[in-house]
N, C-alpha and C. Protein backbone atom coordinates (compact mmCIF):
# COMPACT_ATOMS: atom_id res chain seq x y z
N MET A 1 126.60 110.92 112.39
CA MET A 1 126.04 112.19 112.01
C MET A 1 127.10 113.03 111.31
N GLY A 2 128.35 112.80 111.70
CA GLY A 2 129.44 113.51 111.04
C GLY A 2 129.52 113.17 109.56
N ALA A 3 129.28 111.90 109.25
CA ALA A 3 129.32 111.47 107.84
C ALA A 3 128.18 112.12 107.06
N LEU A 4 126.99 112.20 107.64
CA LEU A 4 125.87 112.85 106.96
C LEU A 4 126.18 114.33 106.74
N ASP A 5 126.73 114.97 107.76
CA ASP A 5 127.11 116.38 107.65
C ASP A 5 128.12 116.56 106.53
N HIS A 6 129.12 115.69 106.48
CA HIS A 6 130.15 115.77 105.44
C HIS A 6 129.54 115.61 104.04
N LEU A 7 128.63 114.67 103.88
CA LEU A 7 128.00 114.46 102.58
C LEU A 7 127.25 115.71 102.10
N VAL A 8 126.54 116.35 103.01
CA VAL A 8 125.80 117.57 102.64
C VAL A 8 126.77 118.70 102.33
N ARG A 9 127.74 118.90 103.18
CA ARG A 9 128.71 120.00 102.99
C ARG A 9 129.53 119.83 101.72
N SER A 10 129.80 118.59 101.33
CA SER A 10 130.60 118.34 100.13
C SER A 10 129.76 118.34 98.86
N GLY A 11 128.46 118.53 99.00
CA GLY A 11 127.59 118.59 97.83
C GLY A 11 127.16 117.25 97.30
N LYS A 12 127.44 116.17 98.01
CA LYS A 12 127.06 114.83 97.56
C LYS A 12 125.64 114.47 97.97
N ALA A 13 125.07 115.26 98.86
CA ALA A 13 123.68 115.08 99.28
C ALA A 13 123.08 116.46 99.51
N LEU A 14 121.79 116.58 99.28
CA LEU A 14 121.13 117.87 99.46
C LEU A 14 120.74 118.12 100.92
N TYR A 15 120.45 117.05 101.64
CA TYR A 15 120.04 117.18 103.04
C TYR A 15 120.29 115.86 103.74
N ALA A 16 120.17 115.89 105.06
CA ALA A 16 120.37 114.68 105.86
C ALA A 16 119.02 114.08 106.23
N GLY A 17 119.00 112.78 106.31
CA GLY A 17 117.82 112.05 106.75
C GLY A 17 118.28 110.80 107.48
N VAL A 18 117.39 110.26 108.30
CA VAL A 18 117.70 109.05 109.05
C VAL A 18 116.58 108.04 108.86
N SER A 19 116.84 106.82 109.28
CA SER A 19 115.85 105.77 109.09
C SER A 19 115.83 104.85 110.30
N ASN A 20 114.63 104.48 110.73
CA ASN A 20 114.42 103.50 111.79
C ASN A 20 114.99 103.90 113.15
N TYR A 21 115.00 105.18 113.46
CA TYR A 21 115.43 105.64 114.77
C TYR A 21 114.22 105.68 115.69
N GLY A 22 114.45 105.40 116.96
CA GLY A 22 113.42 105.58 117.97
C GLY A 22 113.37 107.05 118.36
N PRO A 23 112.40 107.44 119.18
CA PRO A 23 112.25 108.85 119.54
C PRO A 23 113.51 109.47 120.16
N GLU A 24 114.14 108.78 121.11
CA GLU A 24 115.34 109.34 121.75
C GLU A 24 116.49 109.48 120.77
N GLN A 25 116.71 108.43 119.98
CA GLN A 25 117.78 108.49 118.96
C GLN A 25 117.52 109.63 117.99
N LEU A 26 116.26 109.83 117.62
CA LEU A 26 115.92 110.90 116.70
C LEU A 26 116.27 112.26 117.29
N HIS A 27 115.88 112.49 118.54
CA HIS A 27 116.20 113.76 119.20
C HIS A 27 117.72 113.98 119.24
N GLN A 28 118.46 112.93 119.57
CA GLN A 28 119.92 113.05 119.63
C GLN A 28 120.51 113.36 118.26
N ALA A 29 120.09 112.62 117.25
CA ALA A 29 120.61 112.82 115.89
C ALA A 29 120.27 114.22 115.39
N ALA A 30 119.03 114.64 115.59
CA ALA A 30 118.62 115.98 115.14
C ALA A 30 119.45 117.05 115.83
N GLY A 31 119.69 116.88 117.13
CA GLY A 31 120.49 117.85 117.87
C GLY A 31 121.92 117.92 117.37
N ILE A 32 122.53 116.77 117.14
CA ILE A 32 123.91 116.73 116.63
C ILE A 32 123.97 117.41 115.26
N LEU A 33 123.07 117.04 114.37
CA LEU A 33 123.07 117.63 113.03
C LEU A 33 122.81 119.14 113.09
N ARG A 34 121.92 119.55 113.96
CA ARG A 34 121.65 120.99 114.12
C ARG A 34 122.92 121.72 114.57
N ASP A 35 123.61 121.13 115.56
CA ASP A 35 124.85 121.73 116.06
C ASP A 35 125.92 121.82 114.98
N LEU A 36 125.91 120.86 114.07
CA LEU A 36 126.87 120.86 112.96
C LEU A 36 126.45 121.83 111.84
N GLY A 37 125.22 122.31 111.92
CA GLY A 37 124.73 123.22 110.88
C GLY A 37 124.07 122.52 109.71
N THR A 38 123.77 121.24 109.87
CA THR A 38 123.11 120.46 108.82
C THR A 38 121.82 119.89 109.39
N PRO A 39 120.70 120.53 109.14
CA PRO A 39 119.46 120.02 109.71
C PRO A 39 119.03 118.68 109.10
N CYS A 40 118.38 117.91 109.91
CA CYS A 40 117.80 116.65 109.46
C CYS A 40 116.39 116.96 108.96
N LEU A 41 116.09 116.63 107.72
CA LEU A 41 114.80 116.98 107.14
C LEU A 41 113.80 115.84 107.07
N ILE A 42 114.29 114.58 107.12
CA ILE A 42 113.36 113.47 106.90
C ILE A 42 113.78 112.25 107.73
N HIS A 43 112.79 111.51 108.13
CA HIS A 43 113.00 110.23 108.82
C HIS A 43 112.16 109.19 108.11
N GLN A 44 112.72 107.99 107.97
CA GLN A 44 112.05 106.92 107.22
C GLN A 44 111.87 105.69 108.10
N PRO A 45 110.72 105.57 108.75
CA PRO A 45 110.44 104.35 109.52
C PRO A 45 109.51 103.41 108.76
N ALA A 46 109.54 102.16 109.11
CA ALA A 46 108.52 101.23 108.63
C ALA A 46 107.24 101.57 109.40
N TYR A 47 106.13 101.72 108.68
CA TYR A 47 104.87 102.08 109.33
C TYR A 47 103.70 101.61 108.49
N ASN A 48 102.84 100.84 109.09
CA ASN A 48 101.61 100.40 108.43
C ASN A 48 100.63 99.93 109.50
N MET A 49 99.48 99.49 109.09
CA MET A 49 98.45 99.07 110.04
C MET A 49 98.89 97.92 110.94
N PHE A 50 99.84 97.12 110.48
CA PHE A 50 100.33 96.00 111.27
C PHE A 50 101.62 96.34 112.02
N ASN A 51 102.27 97.40 111.64
CA ASN A 51 103.50 97.85 112.31
C ASN A 51 103.28 99.28 112.78
N ARG A 52 102.88 99.42 114.03
CA ARG A 52 102.48 100.72 114.58
C ARG A 52 103.56 101.33 115.47
N ARG A 53 104.74 100.81 115.42
CA ARG A 53 105.81 101.27 116.31
C ARG A 53 106.03 102.78 116.27
N PRO A 54 105.98 103.45 115.12
CA PRO A 54 106.17 104.91 115.12
C PRO A 54 105.19 105.67 116.00
N GLU A 55 104.05 105.05 116.32
CA GLU A 55 103.07 105.70 117.19
C GLU A 55 103.52 105.72 118.65
N GLU A 56 104.60 105.03 118.95
CA GLU A 56 105.11 104.95 120.33
C GLU A 56 106.10 106.07 120.60
N GLY A 57 105.72 107.30 120.24
CA GLY A 57 106.53 108.47 120.54
C GLY A 57 107.29 109.05 119.37
N LEU A 58 107.50 108.26 118.31
CA LEU A 58 108.29 108.77 117.18
C LEU A 58 107.57 109.89 116.44
N LEU A 59 106.28 109.73 116.17
CA LEU A 59 105.56 110.77 115.43
C LEU A 59 105.56 112.08 116.20
N GLU A 60 105.44 112.01 117.52
CA GLU A 60 105.50 113.21 118.35
C GLU A 60 106.89 113.83 118.31
N ALA A 61 107.93 112.99 118.35
CA ALA A 61 109.31 113.48 118.29
C ALA A 61 109.58 114.16 116.95
N LEU A 62 109.08 113.59 115.88
CA LEU A 62 109.24 114.20 114.56
C LEU A 62 108.56 115.57 114.51
N THR A 63 107.38 115.65 115.08
CA THR A 63 106.66 116.93 115.11
C THR A 63 107.46 117.96 115.91
N ALA A 64 107.96 117.56 117.06
CA ALA A 64 108.73 118.48 117.91
C ALA A 64 110.00 118.95 117.21
N GLU A 65 110.64 118.05 116.47
CA GLU A 65 111.89 118.39 115.78
C GLU A 65 111.66 119.04 114.42
N LYS A 66 110.39 119.09 113.99
CA LYS A 66 110.04 119.62 112.67
C LYS A 66 110.75 118.86 111.55
N ILE A 67 110.71 117.53 111.69
CA ILE A 67 111.31 116.63 110.71
C ILE A 67 110.17 115.87 110.04
N GLY A 68 110.18 115.82 108.73
CA GLY A 68 109.15 115.09 108.00
C GLY A 68 109.34 113.59 108.12
N CYS A 69 108.29 112.88 107.79
CA CYS A 69 108.30 111.41 107.88
C CYS A 69 107.87 110.82 106.55
N ILE A 70 108.62 109.86 106.06
CA ILE A 70 108.26 109.13 104.85
C ILE A 70 108.22 107.64 105.22
N ALA A 71 107.03 107.10 105.30
CA ALA A 71 106.84 105.72 105.74
C ALA A 71 107.26 104.75 104.65
N PHE A 72 108.01 103.72 105.06
CA PHE A 72 108.26 102.64 104.11
C PHE A 72 107.48 101.41 104.55
N SER A 73 107.15 100.59 103.60
CA SER A 73 106.31 99.40 103.78
C SER A 73 104.92 99.75 104.30
N PRO A 74 104.29 100.81 103.77
CA PRO A 74 102.94 101.16 104.23
C PRO A 74 101.89 100.12 103.86
N LEU A 75 102.23 99.24 102.94
CA LEU A 75 101.30 98.18 102.53
C LEU A 75 101.69 96.83 103.12
N ALA A 76 102.58 96.87 104.13
CA ALA A 76 102.99 95.65 104.85
C ALA A 76 103.46 94.55 103.88
N GLN A 77 104.38 94.94 103.00
CA GLN A 77 104.94 93.99 102.02
C GLN A 77 103.87 93.37 101.13
N GLY A 78 102.78 94.09 100.90
CA GLY A 78 101.71 93.60 100.04
C GLY A 78 100.53 93.00 100.78
N MET A 79 100.68 92.77 102.09
CA MET A 79 99.58 92.19 102.88
C MET A 79 98.35 93.11 102.86
N LEU A 80 98.58 94.43 102.78
CA LEU A 80 97.46 95.37 102.79
C LEU A 80 97.05 95.77 101.38
N THR A 81 97.07 94.78 100.50
CA THR A 81 96.54 94.92 99.15
C THR A 81 95.58 93.75 98.95
N ASP A 82 94.97 93.69 97.79
CA ASP A 82 94.05 92.58 97.54
C ASP A 82 94.77 91.28 97.17
N LYS A 83 96.08 91.32 97.09
CA LYS A 83 96.85 90.16 96.64
C LYS A 83 96.69 88.94 97.54
N TYR A 84 96.60 89.14 98.86
CA TYR A 84 96.59 88.02 99.79
C TYR A 84 95.20 87.71 100.36
N LEU A 85 94.17 88.30 99.81
CA LEU A 85 92.82 88.08 100.33
C LEU A 85 92.43 86.59 100.34
N GLY A 86 92.90 85.86 99.36
CA GLY A 86 92.57 84.44 99.26
C GLY A 86 93.68 83.52 99.72
N GLY A 87 94.67 84.06 100.43
CA GLY A 87 95.81 83.26 100.87
C GLY A 87 97.07 83.70 100.15
N ILE A 88 98.05 82.84 100.11
CA ILE A 88 99.35 83.18 99.52
C ILE A 88 99.37 82.77 98.05
N PRO A 89 99.37 83.75 97.14
CA PRO A 89 99.39 83.40 95.72
C PRO A 89 100.78 82.97 95.25
N GLU A 90 100.80 82.12 94.28
CA GLU A 90 102.04 81.65 93.68
C GLU A 90 102.79 82.84 93.07
N GLY A 91 104.10 82.89 93.30
CA GLY A 91 104.92 83.95 92.73
C GLY A 91 104.92 85.24 93.55
N SER A 92 104.21 85.28 94.65
CA SER A 92 104.16 86.48 95.48
C SER A 92 105.43 86.59 96.33
N ARG A 93 105.62 87.75 96.97
CA ARG A 93 106.78 87.97 97.83
C ARG A 93 106.90 86.89 98.90
N ALA A 94 105.77 86.45 99.40
CA ALA A 94 105.79 85.47 100.49
C ALA A 94 106.30 84.10 100.03
N THR A 95 106.31 83.84 98.73
CA THR A 95 106.80 82.54 98.25
C THR A 95 108.29 82.57 97.93
N LYS A 96 108.90 83.75 98.02
CA LYS A 96 110.32 83.87 97.68
C LYS A 96 111.17 83.74 98.94
N PRO A 97 112.24 82.96 98.87
CA PRO A 97 113.05 82.72 100.07
C PRO A 97 113.79 83.96 100.59
N HIS A 98 114.02 84.93 99.73
CA HIS A 98 114.80 86.11 100.12
C HIS A 98 113.94 87.31 100.54
N GLY A 99 112.66 87.18 100.50
CA GLY A 99 111.79 88.32 100.78
C GLY A 99 111.60 88.61 102.25
N ALA A 100 111.11 89.81 102.54
CA ALA A 100 110.86 90.23 103.92
C ALA A 100 109.55 89.64 104.45
N LEU A 101 108.66 89.27 103.56
CA LEU A 101 107.37 88.69 103.98
C LEU A 101 107.49 87.17 103.93
N LYS A 102 107.31 86.56 105.09
CA LYS A 102 107.42 85.10 105.21
C LYS A 102 106.03 84.49 105.32
N PRO A 103 105.84 83.29 104.77
CA PRO A 103 104.52 82.63 104.85
C PRO A 103 103.99 82.52 106.28
N ALA A 104 104.88 82.35 107.25
CA ALA A 104 104.44 82.22 108.65
C ALA A 104 103.78 83.50 109.17
N GLN A 105 104.07 84.64 108.53
CA GLN A 105 103.46 85.91 108.94
C GLN A 105 102.03 86.05 108.44
N ILE A 106 101.66 85.23 107.48
CA ILE A 106 100.34 85.32 106.87
C ILE A 106 99.43 84.30 107.54
N THR A 107 99.02 84.63 108.73
CA THR A 107 98.18 83.74 109.52
C THR A 107 96.71 83.94 109.15
N GLU A 108 95.90 82.98 109.52
CA GLU A 108 94.46 83.11 109.26
C GLU A 108 93.90 84.31 110.02
N GLU A 109 94.40 84.56 111.22
CA GLU A 109 93.96 85.72 112.00
C GLU A 109 94.27 87.02 111.26
N LYS A 110 95.47 87.11 110.70
CA LYS A 110 95.85 88.32 109.98
C LYS A 110 95.04 88.44 108.68
N LEU A 111 94.82 87.34 108.00
CA LEU A 111 94.01 87.36 106.78
C LEU A 111 92.58 87.80 107.08
N ALA A 112 92.03 87.40 108.21
CA ALA A 112 90.69 87.83 108.60
C ALA A 112 90.65 89.35 108.77
N LYS A 113 91.71 89.91 109.35
CA LYS A 113 91.80 91.37 109.49
C LYS A 113 91.91 92.04 108.12
N VAL A 114 92.72 91.47 107.26
CA VAL A 114 92.89 92.02 105.91
C VAL A 114 91.55 92.01 105.17
N ARG A 115 90.82 90.93 105.30
CA ARG A 115 89.51 90.84 104.63
C ARG A 115 88.52 91.85 105.19
N ALA A 116 88.53 92.04 106.51
CA ALA A 116 87.63 93.03 107.13
C ALA A 116 88.03 94.45 106.70
N LEU A 117 89.32 94.72 106.63
CA LEU A 117 89.79 96.03 106.17
C LEU A 117 89.40 96.24 104.70
N ASN A 118 89.45 95.17 103.92
CA ASN A 118 89.06 95.25 102.51
C ASN A 118 87.58 95.63 102.39
N GLN A 119 86.74 95.07 103.24
CA GLN A 119 85.32 95.41 103.21
C GLN A 119 85.10 96.88 103.54
N LEU A 120 85.85 97.38 104.51
CA LEU A 120 85.78 98.80 104.86
C LEU A 120 86.23 99.67 103.69
N ALA A 121 87.32 99.26 103.05
CA ALA A 121 87.82 100.01 101.88
C ALA A 121 86.78 100.04 100.77
N LEU A 122 86.18 98.91 100.48
CA LEU A 122 85.17 98.86 99.42
C LEU A 122 83.98 99.75 99.76
N ALA A 123 83.59 99.80 101.02
CA ALA A 123 82.49 100.67 101.45
C ALA A 123 82.85 102.15 101.26
N ARG A 124 84.14 102.47 101.28
CA ARG A 124 84.61 103.83 101.05
C ARG A 124 84.83 104.11 99.56
N GLY A 125 84.66 103.09 98.72
CA GLY A 125 84.90 103.27 97.29
C GLY A 125 86.38 103.23 96.96
N GLN A 126 87.14 102.51 97.75
CA GLN A 126 88.58 102.42 97.56
C GLN A 126 89.03 100.97 97.51
N THR A 127 90.27 100.81 97.05
CA THR A 127 90.92 99.51 97.17
C THR A 127 91.51 99.43 98.57
N LEU A 128 91.85 98.23 98.98
CA LEU A 128 92.49 98.04 100.28
C LEU A 128 93.79 98.83 100.35
N ALA A 129 94.59 98.80 99.29
CA ALA A 129 95.85 99.55 99.27
C ALA A 129 95.60 101.04 99.46
N GLN A 130 94.58 101.57 98.83
CA GLN A 130 94.27 103.00 98.98
C GLN A 130 93.87 103.33 100.41
N LEU A 131 93.08 102.47 101.04
CA LEU A 131 92.71 102.69 102.43
C LEU A 131 93.96 102.67 103.32
N ALA A 132 94.83 101.68 103.10
CA ALA A 132 96.05 101.56 103.91
C ALA A 132 96.94 102.79 103.75
N LEU A 133 97.04 103.30 102.53
CA LEU A 133 97.86 104.50 102.30
C LEU A 133 97.21 105.74 102.92
N ALA A 134 95.91 105.88 102.79
CA ALA A 134 95.22 107.01 103.41
C ALA A 134 95.41 106.97 104.93
N TRP A 135 95.36 105.78 105.50
CA TRP A 135 95.54 105.62 106.94
C TRP A 135 96.93 106.08 107.37
N VAL A 136 97.97 105.69 106.63
CA VAL A 136 99.34 106.12 106.94
C VAL A 136 99.49 107.63 106.76
N LEU A 137 98.93 108.16 105.69
CA LEU A 137 99.12 109.57 105.35
C LEU A 137 98.26 110.52 106.19
N ARG A 138 97.44 110.00 107.09
CA ARG A 138 96.55 110.85 107.88
C ARG A 138 97.29 111.74 108.86
N HIS A 139 98.50 111.40 109.19
CA HIS A 139 99.29 112.19 110.14
C HIS A 139 99.85 113.44 109.46
N PRO A 140 99.70 114.60 110.05
CA PRO A 140 100.22 115.83 109.44
C PRO A 140 101.73 115.79 109.18
N ILE A 141 102.49 115.07 109.99
CA ILE A 141 103.94 115.01 109.84
C ILE A 141 104.35 114.07 108.69
N MET A 142 103.41 113.26 108.18
CA MET A 142 103.71 112.29 107.13
C MET A 142 103.79 113.00 105.79
N THR A 143 104.98 113.02 105.20
CA THR A 143 105.17 113.72 103.94
C THR A 143 104.90 112.84 102.73
N SER A 144 105.12 111.52 102.89
CA SER A 144 104.95 110.61 101.77
C SER A 144 104.99 109.17 102.29
N ALA A 145 104.74 108.26 101.38
CA ALA A 145 104.82 106.83 101.69
C ALA A 145 105.48 106.12 100.51
N LEU A 146 106.43 105.26 100.81
CA LEU A 146 107.13 104.49 99.78
C LEU A 146 106.40 103.18 99.56
N ILE A 147 105.79 103.02 98.40
CA ILE A 147 104.94 101.86 98.19
C ILE A 147 105.65 100.64 97.62
N GLY A 148 106.78 100.81 97.00
CA GLY A 148 107.49 99.66 96.45
C GLY A 148 106.73 98.99 95.31
N ALA A 149 106.15 99.78 94.44
CA ALA A 149 105.39 99.23 93.31
C ALA A 149 106.31 98.47 92.36
N SER A 150 105.82 97.35 91.86
CA SER A 150 106.57 96.58 90.88
C SER A 150 105.85 96.56 89.53
N LYS A 151 104.65 97.14 89.50
CA LYS A 151 103.86 97.20 88.27
C LYS A 151 103.23 98.58 88.15
N VAL A 152 103.02 99.02 86.93
CA VAL A 152 102.40 100.32 86.68
C VAL A 152 101.01 100.38 87.31
N ALA A 153 100.27 99.29 87.23
CA ALA A 153 98.91 99.26 87.80
C ALA A 153 98.94 99.53 89.31
N GLN A 154 99.97 99.04 89.99
CA GLN A 154 100.09 99.29 91.43
C GLN A 154 100.32 100.77 91.70
N LEU A 155 101.15 101.37 90.89
CA LEU A 155 101.43 102.81 91.02
C LEU A 155 100.17 103.62 90.74
N GLU A 156 99.45 103.27 89.69
CA GLU A 156 98.20 103.97 89.36
C GLU A 156 97.18 103.83 90.48
N ASP A 157 97.09 102.64 91.07
CA ASP A 157 96.17 102.43 92.18
C ASP A 157 96.56 103.30 93.36
N ALA A 158 97.85 103.35 93.67
CA ALA A 158 98.33 104.16 94.80
C ALA A 158 98.03 105.64 94.58
N VAL A 159 98.23 106.12 93.39
CA VAL A 159 97.95 107.53 93.09
C VAL A 159 96.47 107.83 93.30
N GLY A 160 95.61 106.85 93.07
CA GLY A 160 94.18 107.03 93.28
C GLY A 160 93.81 107.30 94.73
N THR A 161 94.73 107.08 95.64
CA THR A 161 94.49 107.34 97.07
C THR A 161 94.13 108.80 97.30
N VAL A 162 94.71 109.70 96.52
CA VAL A 162 94.48 111.14 96.73
C VAL A 162 93.02 111.53 96.52
N ASN A 163 92.24 110.67 95.88
CA ASN A 163 90.82 110.97 95.66
C ASN A 163 89.97 110.82 96.93
N ASN A 164 90.53 110.15 97.95
CA ASN A 164 89.79 109.97 99.20
C ASN A 164 90.78 109.75 100.34
N LEU A 165 91.41 110.82 100.77
CA LEU A 165 92.41 110.74 101.84
C LEU A 165 91.82 110.85 103.24
N SER A 166 90.69 111.49 103.38
CA SER A 166 90.16 111.74 104.72
C SER A 166 89.49 110.49 105.29
N LEU A 167 89.72 110.29 106.56
CA LEU A 167 89.10 109.18 107.29
C LEU A 167 88.28 109.78 108.43
N SER A 168 87.03 109.38 108.53
CA SER A 168 86.17 109.88 109.60
C SER A 168 86.57 109.23 110.93
N THR A 169 86.11 109.83 111.99
CA THR A 169 86.34 109.26 113.33
C THR A 169 85.77 107.85 113.39
N GLU A 170 84.59 107.65 112.79
CA GLU A 170 83.97 106.32 112.80
C GLU A 170 84.81 105.31 112.03
N GLU A 171 85.35 105.74 110.89
CA GLU A 171 86.19 104.83 110.10
C GLU A 171 87.47 104.48 110.85
N LEU A 172 88.08 105.46 111.49
CA LEU A 172 89.29 105.19 112.28
C LEU A 172 88.98 104.24 113.43
N GLN A 173 87.83 104.41 114.06
CA GLN A 173 87.43 103.50 115.14
C GLN A 173 87.19 102.10 114.60
N ALA A 174 86.58 102.02 113.43
CA ALA A 174 86.34 100.71 112.81
C ALA A 174 87.66 100.03 112.50
N ILE A 175 88.62 100.78 111.98
CA ILE A 175 89.95 100.21 111.68
C ILE A 175 90.59 99.70 112.97
N GLU A 176 90.53 100.51 114.02
CA GLU A 176 91.10 100.08 115.31
C GLU A 176 90.43 98.81 115.80
N GLY A 177 89.13 98.73 115.66
CA GLY A 177 88.40 97.54 116.08
C GLY A 177 88.84 96.31 115.30
N ILE A 178 89.08 96.47 114.03
CA ILE A 178 89.54 95.35 113.19
C ILE A 178 90.94 94.93 113.59
N LEU A 179 91.81 95.89 113.85
CA LEU A 179 93.21 95.59 114.10
C LEU A 179 93.50 95.03 115.49
N GLN A 180 92.56 95.16 116.41
CA GLN A 180 92.79 94.64 117.78
C GLN A 180 92.84 93.15 117.82
């Protein structure tokens, strides 16, 4: 935290932020930075429909600390897009040896969930990626989501999420039913 404080005080950074901290670590880091006079403004956890760890107290801790959240991997390395609906396409992240998405993670069970989520998205007039982003952004503490677009079309699709951000109670229940 001292290094983050130094970076802000020396003008090399505008504010401090942390990434992948659990709730207790977040409270400790925020307290240290506050005591140093450098508030922590943002936290960056991995968060998506398949990685719900931030729901285990982190979102509440962020709210209590008044720290914004910017989710990374909200599309689960592309799993929550239409790219994998038919399996693992050639040239995708899952086919590359250095990628975070491994073929073993793309199980038939997970693909069935992706396909069911895609049907829900289509019923809402959205792409699967747009539904996944709306789901992540539904939390008031969520300031943004890092999509990792590699093509302009992906960015344009993600921007289209703002046309339908709200999720009804029934839709949220349907998503939970699919993800179980």
